[in-house]
Amino acid sequence: MSFISPSVTGTKLSEYEIDADKSWEAFGITNLKELAGGMTKGDMLFFDGTRLVKIIPGPIGTMLTTHDMGNDPTWSY
């Protein structure tokens, strides 16, 4: 199952166009189209153990902190 055209020769993921309308369920991704449609500059995604979740940019001066496996990242000072 291919989601990226073999004729595309980009060297960065950001250069590829991902077809969010295709079925991604084989990869455990069920909400890609909704997430992609709602993304704005600075948004990121992480897998919460069940689905992809959007993280919006945190307040100025904060950094995204991870808390070991099995825990969601948070913004902290």
C-alpha atoms as a PDB file:
ATOM      1  CA  MET A   1       0.000   0.000   0.000  1.00  0.00           C
ATOM      2  CA  SER A   2       1.700   3.201  -1.184  1.00  0.00           C
ATOM      3  CA  PHE A   3       0.683   6.699  -0.184  1.00  0.00           C
ATOM      4  CA  ILE A   4       3.543   8.555  -1.878  1.00  0.00           C
ATOM      5  CA  SER A   5       4.051   8.522  -5.627  1.00  0.00           C
ATOM      6  CA  PRO A   6       7.221   6.643  -6.655  1.00  0.00           C
ATOM      7  CA  SER A   7       7.994   9.497  -9.079  1.00  0.00           C
ATOM      8  CA  VAL A   8       8.449  11.951  -6.195  1.00  0.00           C
ATOM      9  CA  THR A   9      12.132  12.582  -5.560  1.00  0.00           C
ATOM     10  CA  GLY A  10      12.075  14.873  -2.523  1.00  0.00           C
ATOM     11  CA  THR A  11      14.656  14.456   0.204  1.00  0.00           C
ATOM     12  CA  LYS A  12      12.515  15.761   3.080  1.00  0.00           C
ATOM     13  CA  LEU A  13       9.202  14.518   4.417  1.00  0.00           C
ATOM     14  CA  SER A  14       7.889  18.094   4.185  1.00  0.00           C
ATOM     15  CA  GLU A  15       8.320  17.904   0.383  1.00  0.00           C
ATOM     16  CA  TYR A  16       5.839  15.045   0.037  1.00  0.00           C
ATOM     17  CA  GLU A  17       2.100  15.352  -0.359  1.00  0.00           C
ATOM     18  CA  ILE A  18       0.344  12.729   1.779  1.00  0.00           C
ATOM     19  CA  ASP A  19      -3.082  11.572   0.651  1.00  0.00           C
ATOM     20  CA  ALA A  20      -5.106  11.814   3.869  1.00  0.00           C
ATOM     21  CA  ASP A  21      -8.202  10.403   2.119  1.00  0.00           C
ATOM     22  CA  LYS A  22      -6.688   6.917   1.799  1.00  0.00           C
ATOM     23  CA  SER A  23      -7.278   4.261   4.405  1.00  0.00           C
ATOM     24  CA  TRP A  24      -4.453   4.440   6.944  1.00  0.00           C
ATOM     25  CA  GLU A  25      -6.046   1.868   9.266  1.00  0.00           C
ATOM     26  CA  ALA A  26      -3.462  -0.761   8.286  1.00  0.00           C
ATOM     27  CA  PHE A  27      -0.977   1.515  10.053  1.00  0.00           C
ATOM     28  CA  GLY A  28      -3.207   2.020  13.100  1.00  0.00           C
ATOM     29  CA  ILE A  29      -4.030   5.585  12.016  1.00  0.00           C
ATOM     30  CA  THR A  30      -7.755   6.268  11.862  1.00  0.00           C
ATOM     31  CA  ASN A  31      -8.034  10.053  12.158  1.00  0.00           C
ATOM     32  CA  LEU A  32      -5.365  11.398   9.785  1.00  0.00           C
ATOM     33  CA  LYS A  33      -7.742  13.336   7.510  1.00  0.00           C
ATOM     34  CA  GLU A  34      -9.349  15.153  10.447  1.00  0.00           C
ATOM     35  CA  LEU A  35      -5.980  15.980  12.012  1.00  0.00           C
ATOM     36  CA  ALA A  36      -4.403  17.108   8.736  1.00  0.00           C
ATOM     37  CA  GLY A  37      -7.378  19.339   7.966  1.00  0.00           C
ATOM     38  CA  GLY A  38      -7.142  21.045  11.340  1.00  0.00           C
ATOM     39  CA  MET A  39      -3.367  21.598  11.402  1.00  0.00           C
ATOM     40  CA  THR A  40      -1.921  25.100  11.619  1.00  0.00           C
ATOM     41  CA  LYS A  41       1.659  26.355  11.680  1.00  0.00           C
ATOM     42  CA  GLY A  42       3.578  24.932  14.645  1.00  0.00           C
ATOM     43  CA  ASP A  43       1.211  22.016  15.355  1.00  0.00           C
ATOM     44  CA  MET A  44       2.724  18.564  15.982  1.00  0.00           C
ATOM     45  CA  LEU A  45       1.313  15.060  16.340  1.00  0.00           C
ATOM     46  CA  PHE A  46       2.012  12.314  18.837  1.00  0.00           C
ATOM     47  CA  PHE A  47       0.587   8.838  19.337  1.00  0.00           C
ATOM     48  CA  ASP A  48      -1.217   8.513  22.674  1.00  0.00           C
ATOM     49  CA  GLY A  49      -1.304   4.709  22.541  1.00  0.00           C
ATOM     50  CA  THR A  50      -4.623   4.620  20.719  1.00  0.00           C
ATOM     51  CA  ARG A  51      -4.622   7.374  18.103  1.00  0.00           C
ATOM     52  CA  LEU A  52      -2.743  10.392  16.799  1.00  0.00           C
ATOM     53  CA  VAL A  53      -3.297  13.542  18.860  1.00  0.00           C
ATOM     54  CA  LYS A  54      -2.482  17.110  17.839  1.00  0.00           C
ATOM     55  CA  ILE A  55      -0.257  19.205  20.085  1.00  0.00           C
ATOM     56  CA  ILE A  56      -0.623  22.950  19.600  1.00  0.00           C
ATOM     57  CA  PRO A  57       2.343  25.236  20.298  1.00  0.00           C
ATOM     58  CA  GLY A  58       2.803  25.991  23.982  1.00  0.00           C
ATOM     59  CA  PRO A  59       3.109  29.391  25.631  1.00  0.00           C
ATOM     60  CA  ILE A  60       6.194  31.501  24.877  1.00  0.00           C
ATOM     61  CA  GLY A  61       9.181  30.316  26.911  1.00  0.00           C
ATOM     62  CA  THR A  62       7.968  26.751  27.399  1.00  0.00           C
ATOM     63  CA  MET A  63       9.416  23.540  26.023  1.00  0.00           C
ATOM     64  CA  LEU A  64       7.741  20.283  25.169  1.00  0.00           C
ATOM     65  CA  THR A  65       8.762  17.745  27.807  1.00  0.00           C
ATOM     66  CA  THR A  66       8.431  13.976  27.620  1.00  0.00           C
ATOM     67  CA  HIS A  67       7.770  11.905  30.729  1.00  0.00           C
ATOM     68  CA  ASP A  68       9.096   8.425  29.903  1.00  0.00           C
ATOM     69  CA  MET A  69       7.265   5.849  27.831  1.00  0.00           C
ATOM     70  CA  GLY A  70       3.537   5.598  28.345  1.00  0.00           C
ATOM     71  CA  ASN A  71       3.056   9.213  29.401  1.00  0.00           C
ATOM     72  CA  ASP A  72       1.878  12.152  27.311  1.00  0.00           C
ATOM     73  CA  PRO A  73       4.260  15.056  26.643  1.00  0.00           C
ATOM     74  CA  THR A  74       3.466  18.400  28.295  1.00  0.00           C
ATOM     75  CA  TRP A  75       4.571  22.007  27.970  1.00  0.00           C
ATOM     76  CA  SER A  76       6.711  23.132  30.892  1.00  0.00           C
ATOM     77  CA  TYR A  77       8.892  26.091  31.916  1.00  0.00           C
END
